[in-house]
PDB file of N, CA and C in Angstrom:
ATOM      1  N   MET A   1      15.393  53.860 -33.454  1.00  0.00           N
ATOM      2  CA  MET A   1      16.335  53.337 -32.482  1.00  0.00           C
ATOM      3  C   MET A   1      17.119  52.210 -33.133  1.00  0.00           C
ATOM      4  N   ASN A   2      18.390  52.238 -32.971  1.00  0.00           N
ATOM      5  CA  ASN A   2      19.295  51.286 -33.573  1.00  0.00           C
ATOM      6  C   ASN A   2      19.458  50.080 -32.644  1.00  0.00           C
ATOM      7  N   ILE A   3      19.569  48.890 -33.253  1.00  0.00           N
ATOM      8  CA  ILE A   3      19.717  47.671 -32.451  1.00  0.00           C
ATOM      9  C   ILE A   3      21.024  47.695 -31.685  1.00  0.00           C
ATOM     10  N   ASP A   4      22.055  48.238 -32.287  1.00  0.00           N
ATOM     11  CA  ASP A   4      23.343  48.318 -31.584  1.00  0.00           C
ATOM     12  C   ASP A   4      23.217  49.161 -30.331  1.00  0.00           C
ATOM     13  N   ASN A   5      22.472  50.257 -30.404  1.00  0.00           N
ATOM     14  CA  ASN A   5      22.257  51.115 -29.240  1.00  0.00           C
ATOM     15  C   ASN A   5      21.483  50.381 -28.150  1.00  0.00           C
ATOM     16  N   LEU A   6      20.581  49.552 -28.569  1.00  0.00           N
ATOM     17  CA  LEU A   6      19.774  48.808 -27.601  1.00  0.00           C
ATOM     18  C   LEU A   6      20.675  47.926 -26.737  1.00  0.00           C
ATOM     19  N   TYR A   7      21.606  47.220 -27.379  1.00  0.00           N
ATOM     20  CA  TYR A   7      22.516  46.348 -26.626  1.00  0.00           C
ATOM     21  C   TYR A   7      23.516  47.140 -25.797  1.00  0.00           C
ATOM     22  N   GLU A   8      23.921  48.281 -26.342  1.00  0.00           N
ATOM     23  CA  GLU A   8      24.897  49.092 -25.613  1.00  0.00           C
ATOM     24  C   GLU A   8      24.283  49.710 -24.378  1.00  0.00           C
ATOM     25  N   ASN A   9      23.025  50.075 -24.454  1.00  0.00           N
ATOM     26  CA  ASN A   9      22.371  50.756 -23.346  1.00  0.00           C
ATOM     27  C   ASN A   9      21.703  49.782 -22.366  1.00  0.00           C
ATOM     28  N   ALA A  10      21.718  48.526 -22.693  1.00  0.00           N
ATOM     29  CA  ALA A  10      21.073  47.557 -21.813  1.00  0.00           C
ATOM     30  C   ALA A  10      21.822  47.466 -20.499  1.00  0.00           C
ATOM     31  N   VAL A  11      21.072  47.405 -19.431  1.00  0.00           N
ATOM     32  CA  VAL A  11      21.660  47.289 -18.104  1.00  0.00           C
ATOM     33  C   VAL A  11      21.867  45.811 -17.819  1.00  0.00           C
ATOM     34  N   PRO A  12      23.075  45.404 -17.526  1.00  0.00           N
ATOM     35  CA  PRO A  12      23.306  43.984 -17.244  1.00  0.00           C
ATOM     36  C   PRO A  12      22.578  43.565 -15.972  1.00  0.00           C
ATOM     37  N   ALA A  13      22.037  42.351 -15.993  1.00  0.00           N
ATOM     38  CA  ALA A  13      21.337  41.829 -14.819  1.00  0.00           C
ATOM     39  C   ALA A  13      22.356  41.507 -13.751  1.00  0.00           C
ATOM     40  N   GLU A  14      21.944  41.700 -12.535  1.00  0.00           N
ATOM     41  CA  GLU A  14      22.820  41.378 -11.416  1.00  0.00           C
ATOM     42  C   GLU A  14      23.032  39.869 -11.389  1.00  0.00           C
ATOM     43  N   ALA A  15      24.238  39.448 -11.362  1.00  0.00           N
ATOM     44  CA  ALA A  15      24.553  38.018 -11.342  1.00  0.00           C
ATOM     45  C   ALA A  15      24.038  37.395 -10.050  1.00  0.00           C
ATOM     46  N   GLY A  16      24.116  38.115  -8.966  1.00  0.00           N
ATOM     47  CA  GLY A  16      23.671  37.598  -7.671  1.00  0.00           C
ATOM     48  C   GLY A  16      22.188  37.273  -7.663  1.00  0.00           C
ATOM     49  N   GLU A  17      21.375  38.131  -8.269  1.00  0.00           N
ATOM     50  CA  GLU A  17      19.935  37.891  -8.300  1.00  0.00           C
ATOM     51  C   GLU A  17      19.623  36.637  -9.108  1.00  0.00           C
ATOM     52  N   PHE A  18      20.238  36.484 -10.245  1.00  0.00           N
ATOM     53  CA  PHE A  18      19.999  35.324 -11.103  1.00  0.00           C
ATOM     54  C   PHE A  18      20.461  34.046 -10.410  1.00  0.00           C
ATOM     55  N   ASP A  19      21.644  34.111  -9.794  1.00  0.00           N
ATOM     56  CA  ASP A  19      22.166  32.949  -9.084  1.00  0.00           C
ATOM     57  C   ASP A  19      21.234  32.559  -7.939  1.00  0.00           C
ATOM     58  N   SER A  20      20.676  33.538  -7.256  1.00  0.00           N
ATOM     59  CA  SER A  20      19.782  33.273  -6.141  1.00  0.00           C
ATOM     60  C   SER A  20      18.520  32.556  -6.620  1.00  0.00           C
ATOM     61  N   VAL A  21      17.961  33.024  -7.732  1.00  0.00           N
ATOM     62  CA  VAL A  21      16.768  32.393  -8.289  1.00  0.00           C
ATOM     63  C   VAL A  21      17.096  30.976  -8.745  1.00  0.00           C
ATOM     64  N   THR A  22      18.240  30.812  -9.379  1.00  0.00           N
ATOM     65  CA  THR A  22      18.661  29.486  -9.849  1.00  0.00           C
ATOM     66  C   THR A  22      18.858  28.538  -8.675  1.00  0.00           C
ATOM     67  N   GLU A  23      19.518  29.041  -7.628  1.00  0.00           N
ATOM     68  CA  GLU A  23      19.742  28.205  -6.450  1.00  0.00           C
ATOM     69  C   GLU A  23      18.424  27.839  -5.784  1.00  0.00           C
ATOM     70  N   THR A  24      17.492  28.788  -5.718  1.00  0.00           N
ATOM     71  CA  THR A  24      16.186  28.529  -5.118  1.00  0.00           C
ATOM     72  C   THR A  24      15.438  27.478  -5.925  1.00  0.00           C
ATOM     73  N   ALA A  25      15.469  27.610  -7.244  1.00  0.00           N
ATOM     74  CA  ALA A  25      14.803  26.636  -8.102  1.00  0.00           C
ATOM     75  C   ALA A  25      15.460  25.267  -7.967  1.00  0.00           C
ATOM     76  N   ALA A  26      16.780  25.261  -7.919  1.00  0.00           N
ATOM     77  CA  ALA A  26      17.509  23.995  -7.795  1.00  0.00           C
ATOM     78  C   ALA A  26      17.209  23.335  -6.462  1.00  0.00           C
ATOM     79  N   SER A  27      17.178  24.114  -5.386  1.00  0.00           N
ATOM     80  CA  SER A  27      16.886  23.524  -4.080  1.00  0.00           C
ATOM     81  C   SER A  27      15.431  23.064  -4.023  1.00  0.00           C
ATOM     82  N   GLY A  28      14.544  23.819  -4.671  1.00  0.00           N
ATOM     83  CA  GLY A  28      13.140  23.396  -4.737  1.00  0.00           C
ATOM     84  C   GLY A  28      12.993  22.087  -5.489  1.00  0.00           C
ATOM     85  N   LEU A  29      13.713  21.950  -6.580  1.00  0.00           N
ATOM     86  CA  LEU A  29      13.685  20.700  -7.350  1.00  0.00           C
ATOM     87  C   LEU A  29      14.289  19.560  -6.551  1.00  0.00           C
ATOM     88  N   ALA A  30      15.341  19.843  -5.810  1.00  0.00           N
ATOM     89  CA  ALA A  30      15.967  18.802  -4.988  1.00  0.00           C
ATOM     90  C   ALA A  30      15.001  18.326  -3.906  1.00  0.00           C
ATOM     91  N   ILE A  31      14.304  19.265  -3.284  1.00  0.00           N
ATOM     92  CA  ILE A  31      13.312  18.915  -2.264  1.00  0.00           C
ATOM     93  C   ILE A  31      12.190  18.097  -2.888  1.00  0.00           C
ATOM     94  N   LEU A  32      11.717  18.535  -4.041  1.00  0.00           N
ATOM     95  CA  LEU A  32      10.652  17.807  -4.739  1.00  0.00           C
ATOM     96  C   LEU A  32      11.107  16.407  -5.129  1.00  0.00           C
ATOM     97  N   ALA A  33      12.328  16.291  -5.623  1.00  0.00           N
ATOM     98  CA  ALA A  33      12.860  14.981  -6.006  1.00  0.00           C
ATOM     99  C   ALA A  33      12.950  14.067  -4.788  1.00  0.00           C
ATOM    100  N   GLU A  34      13.392  14.599  -3.657  1.00  0.00           N
ATOM    101  CA  GLU A  34      13.479  13.802  -2.426  1.00  0.00           C
ATOM    102  C   GLU A  34      12.091  13.346  -1.982  1.00  0.00           C
ATOM    103  N   ARG A  35      11.112  14.233  -2.067  1.00  0.00           N
ATOM    104  CA  ARG A  35       9.745  13.862  -1.683  1.00  0.00           C
ATOM    105  C   ARG A  35       9.185  12.789  -2.615  1.00  0.00           C
ATOM    106  N   VAL A  36       9.477  12.910  -3.893  1.00  0.00           N
ATOM    107  CA  VAL A  36       9.033  11.887  -4.849  1.00  0.00           C
ATOM    108  C   VAL A  36       9.680  10.547  -4.504  1.00  0.00           C
ATOM    109  N   GLU A  37      10.964  10.571  -4.176  1.00  0.00           N
ATOM    110  CA  GLU A  37      11.664   9.343  -3.775  1.00  0.00           C
ATOM    111  C   GLU A  37      11.034   8.747  -2.523  1.00  0.00           C
ATOM    112  N   GLN A  38      10.706   9.596  -1.552  1.00  0.00           N
ATOM    113  CA  GLN A  38      10.063   9.122  -0.329  1.00  0.00           C
ATOM    114  C   GLN A  38       8.705   8.493  -0.649  1.00  0.00           C
ATOM    115  N   LEU A  39       7.947   9.146  -1.521  1.00  0.00           N
ATOM    116  CA  LEU A  39       6.645   8.604  -1.916  1.00  0.00           C
ATOM    117  C   LEU A  39       6.792   7.262  -2.614  1.00  0.00           C
ATOM    118  N   MET A  40       7.798   7.138  -3.453  1.00  0.00           N
ATOM    119  CA  MET A  40       8.036   5.875  -4.154  1.00  0.00           C
ATOM    120  C   MET A  40       8.384   4.769  -3.166  1.00  0.00           C
ATOM    121  N   ARG A  41       9.243   5.082  -2.189  1.00  0.00           N
ATOM    122  CA  ARG A  41       9.602   4.083  -1.173  1.00  0.00           C
ATOM    123  C   ARG A  41       8.376   3.702  -0.346  1.00  0.00           C
ATOM    124  N   PHE A  42       7.572   4.693  -0.007  1.00  0.00           N
ATOM    125  CA  PHE A  42       6.361   4.447   0.777  1.00  0.00           C
ATOM    126  C   PHE A  42       5.385   3.580  -0.014  1.00  0.00           C
ATOM    127  N   CYS A  43       5.223   3.858  -1.292  1.00  0.00           N
ATOM    128  CA  CYS A  43       4.335   3.053  -2.143  1.00  0.00           C
ATOM    129  C   CYS A  43       4.844   1.620  -2.237  1.00  0.00           C
ATOM    130  N   GLU A  44       6.147   1.434  -2.382  1.00  0.00           N
ATOM    131  CA  GLU A  44       6.714   0.086  -2.432  1.00  0.00           C
ATOM    132  C   GLU A  44       6.453  -0.650  -1.125  1.00  0.00           C
ATOM    133  N   GLN A  45       6.624   0.060  -0.010  1.00  0.00           N
ATOM    134  CA  GLN A  45       6.378  -0.536   1.302  1.00  0.00           C
ATOM    135  C   GLN A  45       4.906  -0.944   1.430  1.00  0.00           C
ATOM    136  N   LEU A  46       4.008  -0.064   0.995  1.00  0.00           N
ATOM    137  CA  LEU A  46       2.585  -0.369   1.064  1.00  0.00           C
ATOM    138  C   LEU A  46       2.221  -1.557   0.176  1.00  0.00           C
ATOM    139  N   LEU A  47       2.830  -1.636  -0.991  1.00  0.00           N
ATOM    140  CA  LEU A  47       2.580  -2.775  -1.879  1.00  0.00           C
ATOM    141  C   LEU A  47       3.029  -4.080  -1.233  1.00  0.00           C
ATOM    142  N   GLN A  48       4.191  -4.062  -0.592  1.00  0.00           N
ATOM    143  CA  GLN A  48       4.683  -5.264   0.086  1.00  0.00           C
ATOM    144  C   GLN A  48       3.770  -5.652   1.245  1.00  0.00           C
ATOM    145  N   GLU A  49       3.376  -4.664   2.045  1.00  0.00           N
ATOM    146  CA  GLU A  49       2.476  -4.941   3.164  1.00  0.00           C
ATOM    147  C   GLU A  49       1.133  -5.463   2.663  1.00  0.00           C
ATOM    148  N   ASN A  50       0.648  -4.891   1.582  1.00  0.00           N
ATOM    149  CA  ASN A  50      -0.616  -5.322   1.002  1.00  0.00           C
ATOM    150  C   ASN A  50      -0.528  -6.774   0.544  1.00  0.00           C
ATOM    151  N   GLN A  51       0.588  -7.136  -0.078  1.00  0.00           N
ATOM    152  CA  GLN A  51       0.783  -8.511  -0.531  1.00  0.00           C
ATOM    153  C   GLN A  51       0.807  -9.462   0.661  1.00  0.00           C
ATOM    154  N   ILE A  52       1.509  -9.082   1.717  1.00  0.00           N
ATOM    155  CA  ILE A  52       1.575  -9.910   2.929  1.00  0.00           C
ATOM    156  C   ILE A  52       0.179 -10.077   3.526  1.00  0.00           C
ATOM    157  N   LEU A  53      -0.567  -8.987   3.600  1.00  0.00           N
ATOM    158  CA  LEU A  53      -1.924  -9.048   4.160  1.00  0.00           C
ATOM    159  C   LEU A  53      -2.841  -9.924   3.309  1.00  0.00           C
ATOM    160  N   ARG A  54      -2.698  -9.865   2.001  1.00  0.00           N
ATOM    161  CA  ARG A  54      -3.509 -10.730   1.131  1.00  0.00           C
ATOM    162  C   ARG A  54      -3.182 -12.197   1.351  1.00  0.00           C
ATOM    163  N   GLU A  55      -1.890 -12.505   1.510  1.00  0.00           N
ATOM    164  CA  GLU A  55      -1.488 -13.879   1.780  1.00  0.00           C
ATOM    165  C   GLU A  55      -2.032 -14.345   3.130  1.00  0.00           C
ATOM    166  N   GLN A  56      -1.960 -13.474   4.143  1.00  0.00           N
ATOM    167  CA  GLN A  56      -2.500 -13.812   5.453  1.00  0.00           C
ATOM    168  C   GLN A  56      -4.006 -14.038   5.374  1.00  0.00           C
ATOM    169  N   LYS A  57      -4.685 -13.213   4.600  1.00  0.00           N
ATOM    170  CA  LYS A  57      -6.128 -13.355   4.438  1.00  0.00           C
ATOM    171  C   LYS A  57      -6.454 -14.700   3.799  1.00  0.00           C
ATOM    172  N   ARG A  58      -5.707 -15.071   2.751  1.00  0.00           N
ATOM    173  CA  ARG A  58      -5.933 -16.366   2.100  1.00  0.00           C
ATOM    174  C   ARG A  58      -5.727 -17.520   3.080  1.00  0.00           C
ATOM    175  N   ALA A  59      -4.663 -17.433   3.875  1.00  0.00           N
ATOM    176  CA  ALA A  59      -4.363 -18.484   4.849  1.00  0.00           C
ATOM    177  C   ALA A  59      -5.466 -18.571   5.904  1.00  0.00           C
ATOM    178  N   LEU A  60      -5.913 -17.428   6.396  1.00  0.00           N
ATOM    179  CA  LEU A  60      -6.981 -17.414   7.400  1.00  0.00           C
ATOM    180  C   LEU A  60      -8.299 -17.922   6.823  1.00  0.00           C
ATOM    181  N   GLN A  61      -8.574 -17.577   5.567  1.00  0.00           N
ATOM    182  CA  GLN A  61      -9.792 -18.057   4.922  1.00  0.00           C
ATOM    183  C   GLN A  61      -9.752 -19.577   4.777  1.00  0.00           C
ATOM    184  N   ALA A  62      -8.594 -20.103   4.397  1.00  0.00           N
ATOM    185  CA  ALA A  62      -8.442 -21.556   4.271  1.00  0.00           C
ATOM    186  C   ALA A  62      -8.622 -22.226   5.627  1.00  0.00           C
ATOM    187  N   GLU A  63      -8.030 -21.644   6.664  1.00  0.00           N
ATOM    188  CA  GLU A  63      -8.175 -22.195   8.015  1.00  0.00           C
ATOM    189  C   GLU A  63      -9.634 -22.160   8.460  1.00  0.00           C
ATOM    190  N   CYS A  64     -10.305 -21.066   8.175  1.00  0.00           N
ATOM    191  CA  CYS A  64     -11.719 -20.927   8.529  1.00  0.00           C
ATOM    192  C   CYS A  64     -12.561 -21.976   7.816  1.00  0.00           C
ATOM    193  N   ASP A  65     -12.305 -22.183   6.538  1.00  0.00           N
ATOM    194  CA  ASP A  65     -13.030 -23.203   5.771  1.00  0.00           C
ATOM    195  C   ASP A  65     -12.789 -24.589   6.356  1.00  0.00           C
ATOM    196  N   GLU A  66     -11.541 -24.863   6.726  1.00  0.00           N
ATOM    197  CA  GLU A  66     -11.193 -26.155   7.313  1.00  0.00           C
ATOM    198  C   GLU A  66     -11.926 -26.361   8.646  1.00  0.00           C
ATOM    199  N   LEU A  67     -11.960 -25.317   9.473  1.00  0.00           N
ATOM    200  CA  LEU A  67     -12.645 -25.413  10.763  1.00  0.00           C
ATOM    201  C   LEU A  67     -14.150 -25.598  10.580  1.00  0.00           C
ATOM    202  N   ARG A  68     -14.718 -24.934   9.601  1.00  0.00           N
ATOM    203  CA  ARG A  68     -16.155 -25.123   9.328  1.00  0.00           C
ATOM    204  C   ARG A  68     -16.450 -26.558   8.913  1.00  0.00           C
ATOM    205  N   GLU A  69     -15.565 -27.115   8.083  1.00  0.00           N
ATOM    206  CA  GLU A  69     -15.741 -28.498   7.644  1.00  0.00           C
ATOM    207  C   GLU A  69     -15.649 -29.455   8.826  1.00  0.00           C
ATOM    208  N   LYS A  70     -14.665 -29.240   9.704  1.00  0.00           N
ATOM    209  CA  LYS A  70     -14.528 -30.081  10.895  1.00  0.00           C
ATOM    210  C   LYS A  70     -15.748 -29.941  11.797  1.00  0.00           C
ATOM    211  N   ASN A  71     -16.244 -28.735  11.912  1.00  0.00           N
ATOM    212  CA  ASN A  71     -17.435 -28.480  12.737  1.00  0.00           C
ATOM    213  C   ASN A  71     -18.636 -29.234  12.169  1.00  0.00           C
ATOM    214  N   GLU A  72     -18.785 -29.197  10.865  1.00  0.00           N
ATOM    215  CA  GLU A  72     -19.898 -29.911  10.215  1.00  0.00           C
ATOM    216  C   GLU A  72     -19.765 -31.416  10.411  1.00  0.00           C
ATOM    217  N   GLN A  73     -18.543 -31.948  10.291  1.00  0.00           N
ATOM    218  CA  GLN A  73     -18.324 -33.377  10.511  1.00  0.00           C
ATOM    219  C   GLN A  73     -18.658 -33.762  11.960  1.00  0.00           C
ATOM    220  N   SER A  74     -18.248 -32.929  12.900  1.00  0.00           N
ATOM    221  CA  SER A  74     -18.540 -33.192  14.316  1.00  0.00           C
ATOM    222  C   SER A  74     -20.048 -33.161  14.558  1.00  0.00           C
ATOM    223  N   ARG A  75     -20.726 -32.215  13.961  1.00  0.00           N
ATOM    224  CA  ARG A  75     -22.177 -32.112  14.127  1.00  0.00           C
ATOM    225  C   ARG A  75     -22.866 -33.372  13.588  1.00  0.00           C
ATOM    226  N   SER A  76     -22.414 -33.840  12.431  1.00  0.00           N
ATOM    227  CA  SER A  76     -23.000 -35.048  11.845  1.00  0.00           C
ATOM    228  C   SER A  76     -22.781 -36.257  12.754  1.00  0.00           C
ATOM    229  N   ARG A  77     -21.572 -36.389  13.295  1.00  0.00           N
ATOM    230  CA  ARG A  77     -21.288 -37.519  14.196  1.00  0.00           C
ATOM    231  C   ARG A  77     -22.130 -37.451  15.460  1.00  0.00           C
ATOM    232  N   ILE A  78     -22.271 -36.269  16.017  1.00  0.00           N
ATOM    233  CA  ILE A  78     -23.077 -36.102  17.234  1.00  0.00           C
ATOM    234  C   ILE A  78     -24.543 -36.434  16.949  1.00  0.00           C
ATOM    235  N   GLU A  79     -25.055 -35.958  15.815  1.00  0.00           N
ATOM    236  CA  GLU A  79     -26.448 -36.270  15.460  1.00  0.00           C
ATOM    237  C   GLU A  79     -26.635 -37.777  15.279  1.00  0.00           C
ATOM    238  N   ALA A  80     -25.652 -38.431  14.666  1.00  0.00           N
ATOM    239  CA  ALA A  80     -25.730 -39.884  14.484  1.00  0.00           C
ATOM    240  C   ALA A  80     -25.725 -40.594  15.839  1.00  0.00           C
ATOM    241  N   MET A  81     -24.889 -40.110  16.779  1.00  0.00           N
ATOM    242  CA  MET A  81     -24.862 -40.706  18.119  1.00  0.00           C
ATOM    243  C   MET A  81     -26.196 -40.532  18.828  1.00  0.00           C
ATOM    244  N   ILE A  82     -26.788 -39.365  18.694  1.00  0.00           N
ATOM    245  CA  ILE A  82     -28.082 -39.108  19.330  1.00  0.00           C
ATOM    246  C   ILE A  82     -29.131 -40.064  18.786  1.00  0.00           C
ATOM    247  N   VAL A  83     -29.142 -40.263  17.472  1.00  0.00           N
ATOM    248  CA  VAL A  83     -30.101 -41.188  16.855  1.00  0.00           C
ATOM    249  C   VAL A  83     -29.895 -42.600  17.415  1.00  0.00           C
ATOM    250  N   ARG A  84     -28.648 -43.047  17.503  1.00  0.00           N
ATOM    251  CA  ARG A  84     -28.360 -44.381  18.031  1.00  0.00           C
ATOM    252  C   ARG A  84     -28.771 -44.503  19.491  1.00  0.00           C
ATOM    253  N   LEU A  85     -28.479 -43.462  20.272  1.00  0.00           N
ATOM    254  CA  LEU A  85     -28.877 -43.501  21.683  1.00  0.00           C
ATOM    255  C   LEU A  85     -30.397 -43.578  21.839  1.00  0.00           C
ATOM    256  N   LYS A  86     -31.120 -42.828  21.015  1.00  0.00           N
ATOM    257  CA  LYS A  86     -32.582 -42.856  21.088  1.00  0.00           C
ATOM    258  C   LYS A  86     -33.099 -44.240  20.690  1.00  0.00           C
ATOM    259  N   SER A  87     -32.484 -44.846  19.672  1.00  0.00           N
ATOM    260  CA  SER A  87     -32.935 -46.171  19.252  1.00  0.00           C
ATOM    261  C   SER A  87     -32.619 -47.219  20.336  1.00  0.00           C
ATOM    262  N   LEU A  88     -31.475 -47.079  21.010  1.00  0.00           N
ATOM    263  CA  LEU A  88     -31.144 -47.981  22.118  1.00  0.00           C
ATOM    264  C   LEU A  88     -32.109 -47.807  23.275  1.00  0.00           C
ATOM    265  N   GLU A  89     -32.460 -46.559  23.526  1.00  0.00           N
ATOM    266  CA  GLU A  89     -33.393 -46.250  24.613  1.00  0.00           C
ATOM    267  C   GLU A  89     -34.764 -46.856  24.345  1.00  0.00           C
ATOM    268  N   GLN A  90     -35.209 -46.767  23.098  1.00  0.00           N
ATOM    269  CA  GLN A  90     -36.522 -47.328  22.727  1.00  0.00           C
ATOM    270  C   GLN A  90     -36.490 -48.847  22.742  1.00  0.00           C
ATOM    271  N   ALA A  91     -35.360 -49.423  22.438  1.00  0.00           N
ATOM    272  CA  ALA A  91     -35.239 -50.892  22.408  1.00  0.00           C
ATOM    273  C   ALA A  91     -35.258 -51.457  23.834  1.00  0.00           C
ATOM    274  N   SER A  92     -34.899 -50.664  24.816  1.00  0.00           N
ATOM    275  CA  SER A  92     -34.839 -51.174  26.178  1.00  0.00           C
ATOM    276  C   SER A  92     -36.166 -51.258  26.830  1.00  0.00           C
TER     277      SER A  92
END
């Protein structure tokens, strides 16, 4: 079989079929690209929210520590008052 005969006898592919496959692949890639973009935006949003939540957690932890310290100071003052009251009571 001659190579020239091979090309001469070859049946040309339908342009419509090839275009359809190309368009389908292109639209599939466009959809995939859009989904990737959406995922990237969503990840950025989650990162920002995560940062905000971490800052809020730090602030709340600091507030909690401050309140515990105030509570401890109040407890010490109350205990000191009780001791003084008992000593006054015994002195009377």
